[in-house]
Amino acid sequence: MIRINLLPPTQRPQPPTRVRGGLLLVLGLICLVVLMGGLWLHLKSQIANLNHEISQLEVELKRYAGLAQEVEKYKADKKILQEKLASIDRLKAGQVGPVHMLDEVSRYLPRQVWLTSLVHTSNRLTIQGYSFTNFAIAQFMDQLAKAPDSRFSTVDLSYSEHSVVGKVPVEKFEIICTVKL
């Protein structure tokens, strides 16, 4: 088929030129390069900011590591101190009982009796000593057992034997008491 163009030359369509298409392609490439360059600069500044923030955080982490060591040291010192205070409290609690027990024994001790040994184990007290008479030993045992505020519930005579101390005849004795805590 044959084509004939009857339109006047001014109204005829111009065939596309290759220069115009190449120009658009070059402009598109330039825009793409500028866009990629801007994106690269933006990412580079973000990387620099993040690296700076990382270095600041590392410095702060080192500082906090030193503080954490000090805190651990203080915790260890506090634990040791609490253990010492608990030991002191236990000693104070244990100190009250023997003092009161000795005070009570000395309060009920007759003049004719003197003690040579007091041994306290758990709830048992063993008293050894000398007396001029068996009557004084019996009086001492009676006062320990029957005192209204006495700590001693069971007072038993383990033995009483005749002995001589410095050419003086005496009675050597041992009393075993149960102590109320």
N, C-alpha and C. Protein backbone atom coordinates (compact mmCIF):
# COMPACT_ATOMS: atom_id res chain seq x y z
N MET A 1 0.82 -1.15 0.00
CA MET A 1 0.00 0.00 0.00
C MET A 1 0.88 1.24 0.00
N ILE A 2 0.40 2.19 -0.72
CA ILE A 2 1.15 3.40 -0.92
C ILE A 2 0.54 4.47 -0.04
N ARG A 3 1.46 5.24 0.58
CA ARG A 3 0.98 6.29 1.48
C ARG A 3 1.30 7.63 0.85
N ILE A 4 0.32 8.44 0.91
CA ILE A 4 0.51 9.77 0.35
C ILE A 4 0.08 10.74 1.44
N ASN A 5 0.92 11.72 1.66
CA ASN A 5 0.66 12.73 2.68
C ASN A 5 0.20 13.98 1.98
N LEU A 6 -1.04 14.35 2.17
CA LEU A 6 -1.60 15.50 1.49
C LEU A 6 -1.66 16.72 2.40
N LEU A 7 -1.18 16.62 3.57
CA LEU A 7 -1.21 17.74 4.49
C LEU A 7 -0.12 18.73 4.12
N PRO A 8 -0.37 20.03 4.40
CA PRO A 8 0.68 20.99 4.11
C PRO A 8 1.90 20.72 4.99
N PRO A 9 3.11 21.16 4.59
CA PRO A 9 4.33 20.82 5.29
C PRO A 9 4.36 21.33 6.72
N THR A 10 3.66 22.38 7.06
CA THR A 10 3.69 22.89 8.43
C THR A 10 2.89 22.02 9.38
N GLN A 11 1.92 21.35 8.85
CA GLN A 11 1.10 20.53 9.71
C GLN A 11 1.55 19.08 9.73
N ARG A 12 2.50 18.77 8.96
CA ARG A 12 2.97 17.40 8.92
C ARG A 12 3.72 17.06 10.19
N PRO A 13 3.55 15.85 10.75
CA PRO A 13 4.28 15.47 11.95
C PRO A 13 5.76 15.27 11.65
N GLN A 14 6.56 15.72 12.56
CA GLN A 14 8.01 15.61 12.41
C GLN A 14 8.44 14.23 12.89
N PRO A 15 9.26 13.57 12.18
CA PRO A 15 9.72 12.29 12.66
C PRO A 15 10.62 12.50 13.90
N PRO A 16 10.53 11.63 14.85
CA PRO A 16 11.34 11.82 16.06
C PRO A 16 12.81 11.80 15.73
N THR A 17 13.50 12.69 16.39
CA THR A 17 14.94 12.77 16.16
C THR A 17 15.66 11.98 17.22
N ARG A 18 16.74 11.50 16.86
CA ARG A 18 17.53 10.70 17.80
C ARG A 18 18.20 11.60 18.82
N VAL A 19 18.41 12.81 18.54
CA VAL A 19 19.08 13.73 19.46
C VAL A 19 18.18 13.97 20.66
N ARG A 20 16.91 14.13 20.46
CA ARG A 20 16.00 14.38 21.55
C ARG A 20 15.94 13.19 22.51
N GLY A 21 15.87 11.96 22.02
CA GLY A 21 15.84 10.77 22.85
C GLY A 21 17.15 10.60 23.61
N GLY A 22 18.28 10.88 22.98
CA GLY A 22 19.58 10.78 23.63
C GLY A 22 19.72 11.83 24.73
N LEU A 23 19.15 13.02 24.45
CA LEU A 23 19.21 14.09 25.45
C LEU A 23 18.41 13.70 26.71
N LEU A 24 17.25 13.12 26.49
CA LEU A 24 16.45 12.68 27.63
C LEU A 24 17.18 11.59 28.41
N LEU A 25 17.83 10.71 27.69
CA LEU A 25 18.57 9.64 28.36
C LEU A 25 19.73 10.21 29.18
N VAL A 26 20.45 11.17 28.64
CA VAL A 26 21.57 11.80 29.36
C VAL A 26 21.05 12.55 30.57
N LEU A 27 19.96 13.29 30.41
CA LEU A 27 19.38 14.02 31.55
C LEU A 27 18.91 13.05 32.64
N GLY A 28 18.32 11.93 32.26
CA GLY A 28 17.89 10.93 33.22
C GLY A 28 19.07 10.34 33.98
N LEU A 29 20.17 10.08 33.24
CA LEU A 29 21.37 9.54 33.88
C LEU A 29 21.99 10.55 34.85
N ILE A 30 22.00 11.81 34.46
CA ILE A 30 22.55 12.86 35.33
C ILE A 30 21.71 12.97 36.59
N CYS A 31 20.38 12.94 36.46
CA CYS A 31 19.49 13.00 37.64
C CYS A 31 19.73 11.78 38.54
N LEU A 32 19.90 10.63 37.91
CA LEU A 32 20.15 9.42 38.69
C LEU A 32 21.47 9.52 39.44
N VAL A 33 22.52 10.03 38.79
CA VAL A 33 23.83 10.17 39.44
C VAL A 33 23.74 11.18 40.58
N VAL A 34 23.03 12.30 40.36
CA VAL A 34 22.88 13.31 41.41
C VAL A 34 22.09 12.72 42.59
N LEU A 35 21.03 11.99 42.27
CA LEU A 35 20.23 11.36 43.32
C LEU A 35 21.07 10.35 44.10
N MET A 36 21.82 9.52 43.41
CA MET A 36 22.68 8.53 44.06
C MET A 36 23.77 9.24 44.88
N GLY A 37 24.34 10.30 44.40
CA GLY A 37 25.35 11.05 45.15
C GLY A 37 24.76 11.64 46.42
N GLY A 38 23.56 12.20 46.33
CA GLY A 38 22.89 12.75 47.52
C GLY A 38 22.60 11.66 48.54
N LEU A 39 22.13 10.52 48.06
CA LEU A 39 21.87 9.40 48.95
C LEU A 39 23.17 8.91 49.58
N TRP A 40 24.23 8.85 48.82
CA TRP A 40 25.55 8.42 49.35
C TRP A 40 26.04 9.38 50.43
N LEU A 41 25.93 10.71 50.18
CA LEU A 41 26.34 11.70 51.17
C LEU A 41 25.50 11.58 52.45
N HIS A 42 24.20 11.36 52.28
CA HIS A 42 23.32 11.21 53.44
C HIS A 42 23.72 9.98 54.25
N LEU A 43 23.95 8.85 53.60
CA LEU A 43 24.36 7.63 54.30
C LEU A 43 25.73 7.80 54.95
N LYS A 44 26.64 8.50 54.26
CA LYS A 44 27.97 8.72 54.82
C LYS A 44 27.89 9.56 56.10
N SER A 45 27.03 10.58 56.12
CA SER A 45 26.89 11.40 57.33
C SER A 45 26.24 10.59 58.46
N GLN A 46 25.29 9.72 58.12
CA GLN A 46 24.68 8.86 59.13
C GLN A 46 25.71 7.89 59.72
N ILE A 47 26.56 7.33 58.89
CA ILE A 47 27.62 6.42 59.36
C ILE A 47 28.58 7.17 60.28
N ALA A 48 28.95 8.39 59.91
CA ALA A 48 29.85 9.18 60.75
C ALA A 48 29.20 9.49 62.10
N ASN A 49 27.92 9.84 62.07
CA ASN A 49 27.20 10.12 63.33
C ASN A 49 27.13 8.88 64.21
N LEU A 50 26.83 7.73 63.61
CA LEU A 50 26.74 6.49 64.37
C LEU A 50 28.11 6.09 64.94
N ASN A 51 29.17 6.26 64.15
CA ASN A 51 30.51 5.94 64.65
C ASN A 51 30.88 6.86 65.82
N HIS A 52 30.53 8.13 65.73
CA HIS A 52 30.80 9.06 66.82
C HIS A 52 30.00 8.65 68.07
N GLU A 53 28.74 8.26 67.88
CA GLU A 53 27.91 7.83 69.01
C GLU A 53 28.46 6.54 69.63
N ILE A 54 28.96 5.63 68.80
CA ILE A 54 29.56 4.39 69.31
C ILE A 54 30.79 4.69 70.14
N SER A 55 31.63 5.60 69.68
CA SER A 55 32.83 5.92 70.45
C SER A 55 32.45 6.58 71.79
N GLN A 56 31.44 7.44 71.80
CA GLN A 56 30.99 8.04 73.06
C GLN A 56 30.43 6.98 74.01
N LEU A 57 29.67 6.04 73.47
CA LEU A 57 29.10 4.98 74.30
C LEU A 57 30.18 4.05 74.85
N GLU A 58 31.24 3.81 74.08
CA GLU A 58 32.35 2.98 74.57
C GLU A 58 33.07 3.67 75.73
N VAL A 59 33.26 4.98 75.63
CA VAL A 59 33.88 5.73 76.72
C VAL A 59 32.99 5.66 77.96
N GLU A 60 31.70 5.84 77.76
CA GLU A 60 30.76 5.79 78.88
C GLU A 60 30.70 4.39 79.48
N LEU A 61 30.79 3.37 78.63
CA LEU A 61 30.79 1.99 79.11
C LEU A 61 32.02 1.71 79.97
N LYS A 62 33.18 2.22 79.57
CA LYS A 62 34.40 2.04 80.37
C LYS A 62 34.23 2.72 81.73
N ARG A 63 33.63 3.90 81.74
CA ARG A 63 33.41 4.61 82.99
C ARG A 63 32.45 3.82 83.90
N TYR A 64 31.38 3.29 83.31
CA TYR A 64 30.43 2.51 84.09
C TYR A 64 31.01 1.18 84.54
N ALA A 65 31.94 0.62 83.77
CA ALA A 65 32.59 -0.63 84.19
C ALA A 65 33.38 -0.38 85.48
N GLY A 66 34.06 0.75 85.55
CA GLY A 66 34.78 1.11 86.78
C GLY A 66 33.82 1.29 87.95
N LEU A 67 32.69 1.94 87.69
CA LEU A 67 31.68 2.12 88.74
C LEU A 67 31.09 0.78 89.16
N ALA A 68 30.89 -0.12 88.20
CA ALA A 68 30.33 -1.44 88.52
C ALA A 68 31.29 -2.22 89.42
N GLN A 69 32.59 -2.09 89.17
CA GLN A 69 33.58 -2.75 90.03
C GLN A 69 33.51 -2.19 91.45
N GLU A 70 33.38 -0.88 91.55
CA GLU A 70 33.27 -0.27 92.87
C GLU A 70 32.01 -0.74 93.59
N VAL A 71 30.90 -0.84 92.86
CA VAL A 71 29.65 -1.31 93.46
C VAL A 71 29.81 -2.74 93.95
N GLU A 72 30.44 -3.60 93.15
CA GLU A 72 30.67 -4.99 93.58
C GLU A 72 31.56 -5.03 94.82
N LYS A 73 32.56 -4.16 94.87
CA LYS A 73 33.43 -4.11 96.04
C LYS A 73 32.63 -3.68 97.27
N TYR A 74 31.77 -2.67 97.10
CA TYR A 74 30.96 -2.21 98.22
C TYR A 74 29.98 -3.30 98.67
N LYS A 75 29.43 -4.05 97.72
CA LYS A 75 28.52 -5.15 98.09
C LYS A 75 29.27 -6.21 98.89
N ALA A 76 30.49 -6.54 98.46
CA ALA A 76 31.29 -7.54 99.20
C ALA A 76 31.62 -7.01 100.60
N ASP A 77 32.02 -5.73 100.68
CA ASP A 77 32.32 -5.14 101.99
C ASP A 77 31.08 -5.11 102.88
N LYS A 78 29.93 -4.82 102.29
CA LYS A 78 28.68 -4.78 103.05
C LYS A 78 28.34 -6.17 103.59
N LYS A 79 28.55 -7.19 102.76
CA LYS A 79 28.28 -8.56 103.19
C LYS A 79 29.19 -8.95 104.35
N ILE A 80 30.47 -8.62 104.25
CA ILE A 80 31.42 -8.93 105.33
C ILE A 80 31.02 -8.19 106.60
N LEU A 81 30.64 -6.93 106.46
CA LEU A 81 30.23 -6.14 107.61
C LEU A 81 28.97 -6.71 108.26
N GLN A 82 28.01 -7.15 107.44
CA GLN A 82 26.80 -7.73 107.99
C GLN A 82 27.10 -9.03 108.73
N GLU A 83 28.04 -9.83 108.21
CA GLU A 83 28.44 -11.06 108.89
C GLU A 83 29.08 -10.73 110.24
N LYS A 84 29.91 -9.70 110.26
CA LYS A 84 30.55 -9.30 111.52
C LYS A 84 29.51 -8.81 112.53
N LEU A 85 28.56 -8.02 112.04
CA LEU A 85 27.51 -7.52 112.93
C LEU A 85 26.65 -8.67 113.47
N ALA A 86 26.38 -9.65 112.62
CA ALA A 86 25.61 -10.82 113.07
C ALA A 86 26.39 -11.58 114.13
N SER A 87 27.72 -11.70 113.95
CA SER A 87 28.55 -12.38 114.95
C SER A 87 28.53 -11.62 116.27
N ILE A 88 28.61 -10.31 116.19
CA ILE A 88 28.57 -9.49 117.41
C ILE A 88 27.23 -9.65 118.11
N ASP A 89 26.14 -9.65 117.33
CA ASP A 89 24.81 -9.83 117.93
C ASP A 89 24.69 -11.20 118.60
N ARG A 90 25.22 -12.25 117.94
CA ARG A 90 25.18 -13.58 118.56
C ARG A 90 25.99 -13.61 119.84
N LEU A 91 27.17 -12.96 119.83
CA LEU A 91 27.98 -12.92 121.05
C LEU A 91 27.28 -12.16 122.16
N LYS A 92 26.63 -11.05 121.81
CA LYS A 92 25.90 -10.28 122.83
C LYS A 92 24.76 -11.10 123.40
N ALA A 93 24.06 -11.83 122.53
CA ALA A 93 22.94 -12.66 123.01
C ALA A 93 23.45 -13.77 123.91
N GLY A 94 24.58 -14.37 123.57
CA GLY A 94 25.15 -15.43 124.39
C GLY A 94 25.78 -14.89 125.65
N GLN A 95 26.12 -13.63 125.66
CA GLN A 95 26.80 -13.03 126.81
C GLN A 95 25.83 -12.80 127.97
N VAL A 96 24.59 -12.56 127.67
CA VAL A 96 23.61 -12.23 128.70
C VAL A 96 23.33 -13.43 129.60
N GLY A 97 23.16 -14.61 129.01
CA GLY A 97 22.81 -15.80 129.78
C GLY A 97 23.84 -16.16 130.83
N PRO A 98 25.11 -16.34 130.48
CA PRO A 98 26.10 -16.71 131.49
C PRO A 98 26.27 -15.67 132.59
N VAL A 99 26.16 -14.42 132.26
CA VAL A 99 26.31 -13.37 133.27
C VAL A 99 25.20 -13.48 134.30
N HIS A 100 23.97 -13.64 133.85
CA HIS A 100 22.84 -13.75 134.78
C HIS A 100 22.92 -15.06 135.58
N MET A 101 23.38 -16.12 134.91
CA MET A 101 23.49 -17.40 135.60
C MET A 101 24.54 -17.32 136.71
N LEU A 102 25.70 -16.72 136.42
CA LEU A 102 26.73 -16.56 137.45
C LEU A 102 26.26 -15.64 138.58
N ASP A 103 25.52 -14.62 138.23
CA ASP A 103 24.99 -13.72 139.24
C ASP A 103 24.04 -14.48 140.16
N GLU A 104 23.20 -15.32 139.58
CA GLU A 104 22.25 -16.09 140.39
C GLU A 104 22.97 -17.10 141.28
N VAL A 105 23.99 -17.77 140.74
CA VAL A 105 24.74 -18.74 141.55
C VAL A 105 25.42 -18.02 142.71
N SER A 106 26.03 -16.87 142.45
CA SER A 106 26.72 -16.15 143.53
C SER A 106 25.75 -15.58 144.55
N ARG A 107 24.54 -15.25 144.12
CA ARG A 107 23.54 -14.71 145.04
C ARG A 107 23.10 -15.75 146.07
N TYR A 108 23.02 -17.01 145.65
CA TYR A 108 22.54 -18.06 146.55
C TYR A 108 23.67 -18.86 147.21
N LEU A 109 24.91 -18.43 147.03
CA LEU A 109 26.06 -19.15 147.58
C LEU A 109 26.23 -18.83 149.08
N PRO A 110 26.16 -19.84 149.96
CA PRO A 110 26.36 -19.58 151.40
C PRO A 110 27.82 -19.23 151.69
N ARG A 111 28.07 -18.66 152.86
CA ARG A 111 29.43 -18.25 153.24
C ARG A 111 30.36 -19.44 153.45
N GLN A 112 29.85 -20.56 153.83
CA GLN A 112 30.69 -21.72 154.12
C GLN A 112 31.03 -22.53 152.86
N VAL A 113 30.61 -22.08 151.68
CA VAL A 113 30.83 -22.81 150.43
C VAL A 113 31.66 -21.94 149.50
N TRP A 114 32.66 -22.55 148.85
CA TRP A 114 33.38 -21.85 147.78
C TRP A 114 33.48 -22.78 146.59
N LEU A 115 33.43 -22.17 145.40
CA LEU A 115 33.36 -22.94 144.16
C LEU A 115 34.72 -22.99 143.49
N THR A 116 35.00 -24.12 142.86
CA THR A 116 36.26 -24.27 142.12
C THR A 116 36.02 -24.38 140.62
N SER A 117 34.81 -24.76 140.22
CA SER A 117 34.57 -24.96 138.80
C SER A 117 33.09 -24.80 138.48
N LEU A 118 32.80 -24.14 137.38
CA LEU A 118 31.46 -24.03 136.81
C LEU A 118 31.59 -24.36 135.32
N VAL A 119 30.90 -25.40 134.87
CA VAL A 119 30.96 -25.80 133.47
C VAL A 119 29.54 -25.79 132.92
N HIS A 120 29.32 -24.96 131.89
CA HIS A 120 27.99 -24.84 131.30
C HIS A 120 28.02 -25.43 129.90
N THR A 121 27.21 -26.46 129.65
CA THR A 121 27.07 -27.05 128.33
C THR A 121 25.59 -27.17 128.02
N SER A 122 25.18 -26.58 126.92
CA SER A 122 23.79 -26.50 126.46
C SER A 122 22.86 -26.13 127.61
N ASN A 123 22.10 -27.05 128.14
CA ASN A 123 21.17 -26.70 129.24
C ASN A 123 21.59 -27.36 130.55
N ARG A 124 22.85 -27.63 130.71
CA ARG A 124 23.34 -28.31 131.92
C ARG A 124 24.50 -27.51 132.54
N LEU A 125 24.47 -27.36 133.85
CA LEU A 125 25.52 -26.66 134.59
C LEU A 125 26.08 -27.61 135.64
N THR A 126 27.41 -27.76 135.60
CA THR A 126 28.08 -28.60 136.59
C THR A 126 28.87 -27.67 137.50
N ILE A 127 28.59 -27.76 138.81
CA ILE A 127 29.23 -26.90 139.82
C ILE A 127 30.07 -27.79 140.73
N GLN A 128 31.34 -27.44 140.86
CA GLN A 128 32.22 -28.16 141.78
C GLN A 128 32.76 -27.17 142.80
N GLY A 129 32.99 -27.66 144.01
CA GLY A 129 33.53 -26.78 145.03
C GLY A 129 33.76 -27.50 146.34
N TYR A 130 33.99 -26.69 147.39
CA TYR A 130 34.26 -27.20 148.74
C TYR A 130 33.33 -26.52 149.72
N SER A 131 33.09 -27.22 150.81
CA SER A 131 32.27 -26.66 151.88
C SER A 131 32.79 -27.20 153.21
N PHE A 132 32.50 -26.45 154.26
CA PHE A 132 32.91 -26.92 155.59
C PHE A 132 31.96 -27.99 156.10
N THR A 133 30.67 -27.93 155.66
CA THR A 133 29.69 -28.90 156.16
C THR A 133 28.80 -29.36 155.03
N ASN A 134 28.20 -30.51 155.22
CA ASN A 134 27.21 -31.00 154.26
C ASN A 134 25.94 -30.16 154.33
N PHE A 135 25.68 -29.59 155.51
CA PHE A 135 24.52 -28.73 155.68
C PHE A 135 24.60 -27.52 154.75
N ALA A 136 25.76 -26.92 154.59
CA ALA A 136 25.94 -25.76 153.70
C ALA A 136 25.71 -26.16 152.24
N ILE A 137 26.13 -27.37 151.87
CA ILE A 137 25.90 -27.86 150.50
C ILE A 137 24.40 -28.03 150.27
N ALA A 138 23.71 -28.62 151.23
CA ALA A 138 22.27 -28.82 151.12
C ALA A 138 21.55 -27.47 151.05
N GLN A 139 21.98 -26.50 151.85
CA GLN A 139 21.37 -25.17 151.83
C GLN A 139 21.56 -24.52 150.45
N PHE A 140 22.75 -24.65 149.88
CA PHE A 140 23.06 -24.09 148.56
C PHE A 140 22.15 -24.73 147.49
N MET A 141 22.02 -26.05 147.52
CA MET A 141 21.18 -26.75 146.54
C MET A 141 19.73 -26.34 146.70
N ASP A 142 19.27 -26.21 147.92
CA ASP A 142 17.88 -25.83 148.19
C ASP A 142 17.59 -24.43 147.67
N GLN A 143 18.51 -23.50 147.91
CA GLN A 143 18.31 -22.12 147.44
C GLN A 143 18.32 -22.05 145.91
N LEU A 144 19.18 -22.84 145.26
CA LEU A 144 19.21 -22.84 143.79
C LEU A 144 17.89 -23.37 143.23
N ALA A 145 17.37 -24.43 143.81
CA ALA A 145 16.17 -25.08 143.28
C ALA A 145 14.89 -24.33 143.60
N LYS A 146 14.79 -23.74 144.81
CA LYS A 146 13.52 -23.19 145.26
C LYS A 146 13.41 -21.68 145.16
N ALA A 147 14.38 -21.01 144.61
CA ALA A 147 14.30 -19.55 144.46
C ALA A 147 13.18 -19.22 143.48
N PRO A 148 12.42 -18.13 143.74
CA PRO A 148 11.27 -17.83 142.89
C PRO A 148 11.66 -17.49 141.44
N ASP A 149 12.76 -16.85 141.24
CA ASP A 149 13.15 -16.46 139.89
C ASP A 149 14.34 -17.29 139.40
N SER A 150 14.46 -18.50 139.89
CA SER A 150 15.62 -19.34 139.59
C SER A 150 15.60 -19.84 138.15
N ARG A 151 16.78 -19.93 137.56
CA ARG A 151 16.96 -20.49 136.23
C ARG A 151 17.17 -22.00 136.28
N PHE A 152 17.31 -22.55 137.46
CA PHE A 152 17.66 -23.95 137.62
C PHE A 152 16.42 -24.75 137.97
N SER A 153 16.12 -25.77 137.15
CA SER A 153 14.91 -26.56 137.41
C SER A 153 15.23 -27.84 138.19
N THR A 154 16.28 -28.53 137.83
CA THR A 154 16.65 -29.75 138.53
C THR A 154 18.03 -29.56 139.11
N VAL A 155 18.15 -29.72 140.44
CA VAL A 155 19.43 -29.56 141.11
C VAL A 155 19.71 -30.89 141.82
N ASP A 156 20.76 -31.59 141.35
CA ASP A 156 21.10 -32.91 141.92
C ASP A 156 22.55 -32.90 142.40
N LEU A 157 22.77 -33.59 143.51
CA LEU A 157 24.11 -33.76 144.05
C LEU A 157 24.73 -34.98 143.38
N SER A 158 25.81 -34.77 142.65
CA SER A 158 26.48 -35.86 141.97
C SER A 158 27.31 -36.67 142.97
N TYR A 159 28.09 -35.96 143.78
CA TYR A 159 28.84 -36.63 144.85
C TYR A 159 29.24 -35.61 145.90
N SER A 160 29.52 -36.12 147.07
CA SER A 160 30.07 -35.32 148.16
C SER A 160 31.02 -36.25 148.92
N GLU A 161 32.26 -35.83 149.04
CA GLU A 161 33.24 -36.68 149.71
C GLU A 161 34.10 -35.85 150.66
N HIS A 162 34.59 -36.52 151.66
CA HIS A 162 35.44 -35.86 152.65
C HIS A 162 36.83 -35.64 152.04
N SER A 163 37.40 -34.44 152.29
CA SER A 163 38.72 -34.11 151.76
C SER A 163 39.41 -33.19 152.75
N VAL A 164 40.71 -32.96 152.54
CA VAL A 164 41.49 -32.08 153.41
C VAL A 164 42.17 -31.05 152.52
N VAL A 165 41.98 -29.77 152.86
CA VAL A 165 42.62 -28.68 152.14
C VAL A 165 43.40 -27.87 153.16
N GLY A 166 44.72 -27.87 153.04
CA GLY A 166 45.57 -27.11 153.97
C GLY A 166 45.36 -27.52 155.42
N LYS A 167 45.29 -28.79 155.71
CA LYS A 167 45.11 -29.37 157.04
C LYS A 167 43.73 -29.06 157.64
N VAL A 168 42.80 -28.60 156.80
CA VAL A 168 41.44 -28.30 157.27
C VAL A 168 40.52 -29.34 156.62
N PRO A 169 39.73 -30.04 157.39
CA PRO A 169 38.80 -31.01 156.82
C PRO A 169 37.62 -30.29 156.14
N VAL A 170 37.35 -30.66 154.88
CA VAL A 170 36.25 -30.05 154.12
C VAL A 170 35.52 -31.15 153.36
N GLU A 171 34.38 -30.75 152.77
CA GLU A 171 33.60 -31.66 151.93
C GLU A 171 33.73 -31.18 150.48
N LYS A 172 34.24 -32.05 149.64
CA LYS A 172 34.34 -31.74 148.20
C LYS A 172 33.05 -32.24 147.56
N PHE A 173 32.44 -31.40 146.66
CA PHE A 173 31.14 -31.79 146.10
C PHE A 173 31.06 -31.43 144.62
N GLU A 174 30.05 -32.03 143.99
CA GLU A 174 29.71 -31.69 142.59
C GLU A 174 28.19 -31.70 142.49
N ILE A 175 27.66 -30.60 141.96
CA ILE A 175 26.21 -30.46 141.79
C ILE A 175 25.96 -30.32 140.28
N ILE A 176 24.93 -31.00 139.79
CA ILE A 176 24.54 -30.91 138.38
C ILE A 176 23.14 -30.31 138.33
N CYS A 177 23.02 -29.20 137.56
CA CYS A 177 21.75 -28.49 137.46
C CYS A 177 21.27 -28.46 136.00
N THR A 178 19.98 -28.48 135.83
CA THR A 178 19.39 -28.24 134.52
C THR A 178 19.04 -26.77 134.45
N VAL A 179 19.50 -26.10 133.40
CA VAL A 179 19.32 -24.66 133.26
C VAL A 179 18.17 -24.38 132.30
N LYS A 180 17.24 -23.52 132.73
CA LYS A 180 16.16 -23.06 131.87
C LYS A 180 16.68 -21.90 131.05
N LEU A 181 16.51 -21.97 129.76
CA LEU A 181 16.99 -20.88 128.90
C LEU A 181 15.93 -19.87 128.63
